[in-house]
Amino acid sequence: MTQEDMSSRWAAEEEAARALLAAPGVARPDQLAGLSAMQVFDAISAGRLPQPPIGETLDFIPIRIEPGKAVFQGRPNKRHYNPMGTVHGGWFSAMLDSALGCAVHSTLPAGKGYTTLELKINLVRALTDAVPFVRAEGTLVHAGRQVATSEARIVGPDGKLYAHATTTCLIFHLPPGKA
């Protein structure tokens, strides 16, 4: 597939995903009670639950989440620049952390939560708004009873690697009434 074909495909997938997402917000605990992580992600993707506000702030959205995998697409732009005129590492980090965390989260049953214990990022290429969009693709590596790991990569539609990362997450029981 050519870069132009891939760019067109990514643009269409983003448009379709954005058309279904609800306004940003935070779901109430009663909306999440009894739902597995995949049920929550399905409800967000269908617009039945609000999308997390971080995506609006940093201009990235979930494209696809399935058990053990998460794909986010972002649009780097000048509001994400550092003083050197390239996208700030924090933007890379937030998008990678989302893909990494959702790859882990997507495997959790109702009543389980997670938090990031460790995040390791390698930025391998500068990014500017000359690249219309990139994807963070996260994959579960290991899921245990209390610890899970995942890895992710940020790539452009031309296949160029911009960054890669790994995470270790702590898995825990959520207190009653929390989700």
C-alpha atoms as a PDB file:
ATOM      1  CA  MET A   1       0.000   0.000   0.000  1.00  0.00           C
ATOM      2  CA  THR A   2       1.408   3.406  -0.911  1.00  0.00           C
ATOM      3  CA  GLN A   3       1.866   6.194   1.621  1.00  0.00           C
ATOM      4  CA  GLU A   4      -0.931   8.140  -0.082  1.00  0.00           C
ATOM      5  CA  ASP A   5      -3.267   5.132   0.138  1.00  0.00           C
ATOM      6  CA  MET A   6      -2.356   4.595   3.792  1.00  0.00           C
ATOM      7  CA  SER A   7      -2.907   8.292   4.584  1.00  0.00           C
ATOM      8  CA  SER A   8      -6.338   8.165   2.932  1.00  0.00           C
ATOM      9  CA  ARG A   9      -7.236   5.018   4.838  1.00  0.00           C
ATOM     10  CA  TRP A  10      -6.114   6.515   8.157  1.00  0.00           C
ATOM     11  CA  ALA A  11      -8.037   9.740   7.488  1.00  0.00           C
ATOM     12  CA  ALA A  12     -11.213   7.754   6.729  1.00  0.00           C
ATOM     13  CA  GLU A  13     -10.816   5.606   9.851  1.00  0.00           C
ATOM     14  CA  GLU A  14     -10.323   8.710  11.990  1.00  0.00           C
ATOM     15  CA  GLU A  15     -13.377  10.411  10.486  1.00  0.00           C
ATOM     16  CA  ALA A  16     -15.504   7.313  11.163  1.00  0.00           C
ATOM     17  CA  ALA A  17     -14.238   7.055  14.754  1.00  0.00           C
ATOM     18  CA  ARG A  18     -14.783  10.763  15.470  1.00  0.00           C
ATOM     19  CA  ALA A  19     -18.331  10.575  14.094  1.00  0.00           C
ATOM     20  CA  LEU A  20     -19.270   8.082  16.810  1.00  0.00           C
ATOM     21  CA  LEU A  21     -17.494   9.596  19.813  1.00  0.00           C
ATOM     22  CA  ALA A  22     -19.491  11.527  22.374  1.00  0.00           C
ATOM     23  CA  ALA A  23     -18.331  14.821  23.829  1.00  0.00           C
ATOM     24  CA  PRO A  24     -15.352  14.592  26.188  1.00  0.00           C
ATOM     25  CA  GLY A  25     -16.108  14.017  29.828  1.00  0.00           C
ATOM     26  CA  VAL A  26     -15.761  11.571  32.664  1.00  0.00           C
ATOM     27  CA  ALA A  27     -18.173   8.661  33.057  1.00  0.00           C
ATOM     28  CA  ARG A  28     -19.918   8.349  36.410  1.00  0.00           C
ATOM     29  CA  PRO A  29     -19.213   5.281  38.563  1.00  0.00           C
ATOM     30  CA  ASP A  30     -22.823   4.081  38.141  1.00  0.00           C
ATOM     31  CA  GLN A  31     -22.330   4.100  34.338  1.00  0.00           C
ATOM     32  CA  LEU A  32     -19.283   1.858  34.685  1.00  0.00           C
ATOM     33  CA  ALA A  33     -20.473  -0.497  37.430  1.00  0.00           C
ATOM     34  CA  GLY A  34     -20.340  -4.138  36.379  1.00  0.00           C
ATOM     35  CA  LEU A  35     -18.700  -3.442  33.008  1.00  0.00           C
ATOM     36  CA  SER A  36     -15.518  -5.103  31.822  1.00  0.00           C
ATOM     37  CA  ALA A  37     -12.886  -2.838  30.300  1.00  0.00           C
ATOM     38  CA  MET A  38     -13.847  -3.972  26.774  1.00  0.00           C
ATOM     39  CA  GLN A  39     -17.494  -3.115  27.486  1.00  0.00           C
ATOM     40  CA  VAL A  40     -16.376   0.361  28.581  1.00  0.00           C
ATOM     41  CA  PHE A  41     -14.231   0.820  25.461  1.00  0.00           C
ATOM     42  CA  ASP A  42     -17.087  -0.405  23.238  1.00  0.00           C
ATOM     43  CA  ALA A  43     -19.434   2.109  24.897  1.00  0.00           C
ATOM     44  CA  ILE A  44     -16.929   4.949  24.390  1.00  0.00           C
ATOM     45  CA  SER A  45     -16.420   3.973  20.737  1.00  0.00           C
ATOM     46  CA  ALA A  46     -20.196   3.908  20.187  1.00  0.00           C
ATOM     47  CA  GLY A  47     -20.769   7.284  21.880  1.00  0.00           C
ATOM     48  CA  ARG A  48     -22.694   5.838  24.842  1.00  0.00           C
ATOM     49  CA  LEU A  49     -20.001   6.998  27.282  1.00  0.00           C
ATOM     50  CA  PRO A  50     -17.942  10.201  27.026  1.00  0.00           C
ATOM     51  CA  GLN A  51     -14.474  10.072  25.544  1.00  0.00           C
ATOM     52  CA  PRO A  52     -11.715  10.957  28.022  1.00  0.00           C
ATOM     53  CA  PRO A  53     -10.881  14.700  27.859  1.00  0.00           C
ATOM     54  CA  ILE A  54      -7.125  14.138  27.385  1.00  0.00           C
ATOM     55  CA  GLY A  55      -7.743  13.218  23.745  1.00  0.00           C
ATOM     56  CA  GLU A  56      -9.408  16.543  23.031  1.00  0.00           C
ATOM     57  CA  THR A  57      -6.673  18.447  24.832  1.00  0.00           C
ATOM     58  CA  LEU A  58      -3.873  16.748  22.891  1.00  0.00           C
ATOM     59  CA  ASP A  59      -5.793  15.951  19.663  1.00  0.00           C
ATOM     60  CA  PHE A  60      -5.686  12.162  19.630  1.00  0.00           C
ATOM     61  CA  ILE A  61      -8.455   9.564  19.670  1.00  0.00           C
ATOM     62  CA  PRO A  62      -8.877   5.816  19.959  1.00  0.00           C
ATOM     63  CA  ILE A  63      -9.222   4.227  16.542  1.00  0.00           C
ATOM     64  CA  ARG A  64      -9.486   0.619  17.638  1.00  0.00           C
ATOM     65  CA  ILE A  65      -9.313  -1.234  20.950  1.00  0.00           C
ATOM     66  CA  GLU A  66      -9.563  -4.994  21.214  1.00  0.00           C
ATOM     67  CA  PRO A  67      -8.355  -7.387  23.907  1.00  0.00           C
ATOM     68  CA  GLY A  68      -4.609  -6.858  24.259  1.00  0.00           C
ATOM     69  CA  LYS A  69      -4.351  -4.189  21.535  1.00  0.00           C
ATOM     70  CA  ALA A  70      -5.021  -0.460  21.333  1.00  0.00           C
ATOM     71  CA  VAL A  71      -4.547   1.971  18.446  1.00  0.00           C
ATOM     72  CA  PHE A  72      -4.704   5.748  18.921  1.00  0.00           C
ATOM     73  CA  GLN A  73      -4.336   8.315  16.160  1.00  0.00           C
ATOM     74  CA  GLY A  74      -3.068  11.826  16.769  1.00  0.00           C
ATOM     75  CA  ARG A  75      -2.534  14.984  14.806  1.00  0.00           C
ATOM     76  CA  PRO A  76       0.715  16.698  15.746  1.00  0.00           C
ATOM     77  CA  ASN A  77       0.415  20.455  15.422  1.00  0.00           C
ATOM     78  CA  LYS A  78       2.197  23.616  16.488  1.00  0.00           C
ATOM     79  CA  ARG A  79       0.368  23.859  19.814  1.00  0.00           C
ATOM     80  CA  HIS A  80       2.291  20.687  20.781  1.00  0.00           C
ATOM     81  CA  TYR A  81       5.705  22.179  19.927  1.00  0.00           C
ATOM     82  CA  ASN A  82       8.622  22.618  22.266  1.00  0.00           C
ATOM     83  CA  PRO A  83      10.991  25.645  22.013  1.00  0.00           C
ATOM     84  CA  MET A  84      13.019  23.840  19.319  1.00  0.00           C
ATOM     85  CA  GLY A  85      10.075  23.773  16.903  1.00  0.00           C
ATOM     86  CA  THR A  86       9.207  20.074  17.118  1.00  0.00           C
ATOM     87  CA  VAL A  87       6.529  18.116  18.946  1.00  0.00           C
ATOM     88  CA  HIS A  88       7.203  18.009  22.691  1.00  0.00           C
ATOM     89  CA  GLY A  89       8.138  14.672  24.243  1.00  0.00           C
ATOM     90  CA  GLY A  90       5.165  14.970  26.572  1.00  0.00           C
ATOM     91  CA  TRP A  91       2.805  14.636  23.593  1.00  0.00           C
ATOM     92  CA  PHE A  92       4.580  11.448  22.511  1.00  0.00           C
ATOM     93  CA  SER A  93       4.448  10.222  26.109  1.00  0.00           C
ATOM     94  CA  ALA A  94       0.727  10.870  26.582  1.00  0.00           C
ATOM     95  CA  MET A  95      -0.220   9.138  23.350  1.00  0.00           C
ATOM     96  CA  LEU A  96       2.065   6.165  24.010  1.00  0.00           C
ATOM     97  CA  ASP A  97       0.871   5.878  27.631  1.00  0.00           C
ATOM     98  CA  SER A  98      -2.726   5.767  26.368  1.00  0.00           C
ATOM     99  CA  ALA A  99      -1.997   2.968  23.894  1.00  0.00           C
ATOM    100  CA  LEU A 100       0.108   1.054  26.416  1.00  0.00           C
ATOM    101  CA  GLY A 101      -2.413   1.408  29.231  1.00  0.00           C
ATOM    102  CA  CYS A 102      -5.439   0.569  27.097  1.00  0.00           C
ATOM    103  CA  ALA A 103      -3.699  -2.563  25.767  1.00  0.00           C
ATOM    104  CA  VAL A 104      -3.464  -3.708  29.402  1.00  0.00           C
ATOM    105  CA  HIS A 105      -6.831  -2.308  30.498  1.00  0.00           C
ATOM    106  CA  SER A 106      -8.652  -4.011  27.606  1.00  0.00           C
ATOM    107  CA  THR A 107      -7.961  -7.410  29.180  1.00  0.00           C
ATOM    108  CA  LEU A 108      -9.391  -6.601  32.618  1.00  0.00           C
ATOM    109  CA  PRO A 109     -12.730  -7.916  33.869  1.00  0.00           C
ATOM    110  CA  ALA A 110     -15.289  -5.829  35.743  1.00  0.00           C
ATOM    111  CA  GLY A 111     -14.034  -4.830  39.174  1.00  0.00           C
ATOM    112  CA  LYS A 112     -10.365  -4.598  38.185  1.00  0.00           C
ATOM    113  CA  GLY A 113      -8.306  -1.472  37.604  1.00  0.00           C
ATOM    114  CA  TYR A 114      -4.715  -0.656  36.791  1.00  0.00           C
ATOM    115  CA  THR A 115      -2.148   2.074  37.145  1.00  0.00           C
ATOM    116  CA  THR A 116       1.156   2.720  35.430  1.00  0.00           C
ATOM    117  CA  LEU A 117       4.145   1.726  37.565  1.00  0.00           C
ATOM    118  CA  GLU A 118       6.861   2.388  34.992  1.00  0.00           C
ATOM    119  CA  LEU A 119       6.971   4.030  31.565  1.00  0.00           C
ATOM    120  CA  LYS A 120      10.039   3.893  29.304  1.00  0.00           C
ATOM    121  CA  ILE A 121      10.042   5.908  26.067  1.00  0.00           C
ATOM    122  CA  ASN A 122      12.526   6.202  23.242  1.00  0.00           C
ATOM    123  CA  LEU A 123      12.036   9.145  20.864  1.00  0.00           C
ATOM    124  CA  VAL A 124      13.811   8.167  17.665  1.00  0.00           C
ATOM    125  CA  ARG A 125      12.733  10.842  15.189  1.00  0.00           C
ATOM    126  CA  ALA A 126      11.526  14.437  15.464  1.00  0.00           C
ATOM    127  CA  LEU A 127       7.893  15.107  14.626  1.00  0.00           C
ATOM    128  CA  THR A 128       6.304  18.281  13.235  1.00  0.00           C
ATOM    129  CA  ASP A 129       2.964  19.250  11.772  1.00  0.00           C
ATOM    130  CA  ALA A 130       4.364  18.347   8.331  1.00  0.00           C
ATOM    131  CA  VAL A 131       3.236  14.805   9.256  1.00  0.00           C
ATOM    132  CA  PRO A 132      -0.581  15.001   9.220  1.00  0.00           C
ATOM    133  CA  PHE A 133      -1.127  12.201  11.713  1.00  0.00           C
ATOM    134  CA  VAL A 134       0.598   9.335  13.495  1.00  0.00           C
ATOM    135  CA  ARG A 135      -0.576   6.235  15.276  1.00  0.00           C
ATOM    136  CA  ALA A 136       0.371   4.805  18.638  1.00  0.00           C
ATOM    137  CA  GLU A 137      -0.119   1.052  18.448  1.00  0.00           C
ATOM    138  CA  GLY A 138      -0.010  -0.752  21.794  1.00  0.00           C
ATOM    139  CA  THR A 139       0.187  -4.504  22.371  1.00  0.00           C
ATOM    140  CA  LEU A 140      -0.035  -6.500  25.582  1.00  0.00           C
ATOM    141  CA  VAL A 141       3.146  -8.455  26.299  1.00  0.00           C
ATOM    142  CA  HIS A 142       2.186 -10.138  29.598  1.00  0.00           C
ATOM    143  CA  ALA A 143      -0.802 -10.079  31.928  1.00  0.00           C
ATOM    144  CA  GLY A 144      -0.441 -11.626  35.348  1.00  0.00           C
ATOM    145  CA  ARG A 145      -2.606 -11.462  38.445  1.00  0.00           C
ATOM    146  CA  GLN A 146      -0.983  -8.243  39.716  1.00  0.00           C
ATOM    147  CA  VAL A 147       1.410  -7.028  37.026  1.00  0.00           C
ATOM    148  CA  ALA A 148       1.044  -6.527  33.274  1.00  0.00           C
ATOM    149  CA  THR A 149       3.418  -5.229  30.622  1.00  0.00           C
ATOM    150  CA  SER A 150       2.853  -3.826  27.159  1.00  0.00           C
ATOM    151  CA  GLU A 151       4.789  -2.211  24.331  1.00  0.00           C
ATOM    152  CA  ALA A 152       3.845   0.467  21.807  1.00  0.00           C
ATOM    153  CA  ARG A 153       5.189   2.302  18.783  1.00  0.00           C
ATOM    154  CA  ILE A 154       4.325   5.636  17.192  1.00  0.00           C
ATOM    155  CA  VAL A 155       4.422   5.322  13.411  1.00  0.00           C
ATOM    156  CA  GLY A 156       3.470   7.510  10.481  1.00  0.00           C
ATOM    157  CA  PRO A 157       1.395   6.471   7.473  1.00  0.00           C
ATOM    158  CA  ASP A 158       4.677   6.025   5.582  1.00  0.00           C
ATOM    159  CA  GLY A 159       5.761   3.378   8.126  1.00  0.00           C
ATOM    160  CA  LYS A 160       8.415   5.600   9.752  1.00  0.00           C
ATOM    161  CA  LEU A 161       9.004   4.965  13.438  1.00  0.00           C
ATOM    162  CA  TYR A 162       8.920   8.102  15.623  1.00  0.00           C
ATOM    163  CA  ALA A 163       8.991   6.563  19.102  1.00  0.00           C
ATOM    164  CA  HIS A 164       8.599   3.312  20.988  1.00  0.00           C
ATOM    165  CA  ALA A 165       7.833   2.541  24.602  1.00  0.00           C
ATOM    166  CA  THR A 166       7.177  -0.100  27.221  1.00  0.00           C
ATOM    167  CA  THR A 167       5.218  -0.030  30.443  1.00  0.00           C
ATOM    168  CA  THR A 168       4.680  -2.031  33.587  1.00  0.00           C
ATOM    169  CA  CYS A 169       1.236  -1.726  35.164  1.00  0.00           C
ATOM    170  CA  LEU A 170      -0.082  -2.718  38.572  1.00  0.00           C
ATOM    171  CA  ILE A 171      -3.436  -4.538  38.448  1.00  0.00           C
ATOM    172  CA  PHE A 172      -5.743  -4.219  41.463  1.00  0.00           C
ATOM    173  CA  HIS A 173      -9.302  -4.729  42.684  1.00  0.00           C
ATOM    174  CA  LEU A 174     -11.435  -1.599  42.498  1.00  0.00           C
ATOM    175  CA  PRO A 175     -13.257  -0.625  45.683  1.00  0.00           C
ATOM    176  CA  PRO A 176     -17.042  -1.110  45.520  1.00  0.00           C
ATOM    177  CA  GLY A 177     -18.690   1.840  43.784  1.00  0.00           C
ATOM    178  CA  LYS A 178     -15.576   2.702  41.751  1.00  0.00           C
ATOM    179  CA  ALA A 179     -14.844   1.769  38.150  1.00  0.00           C
END
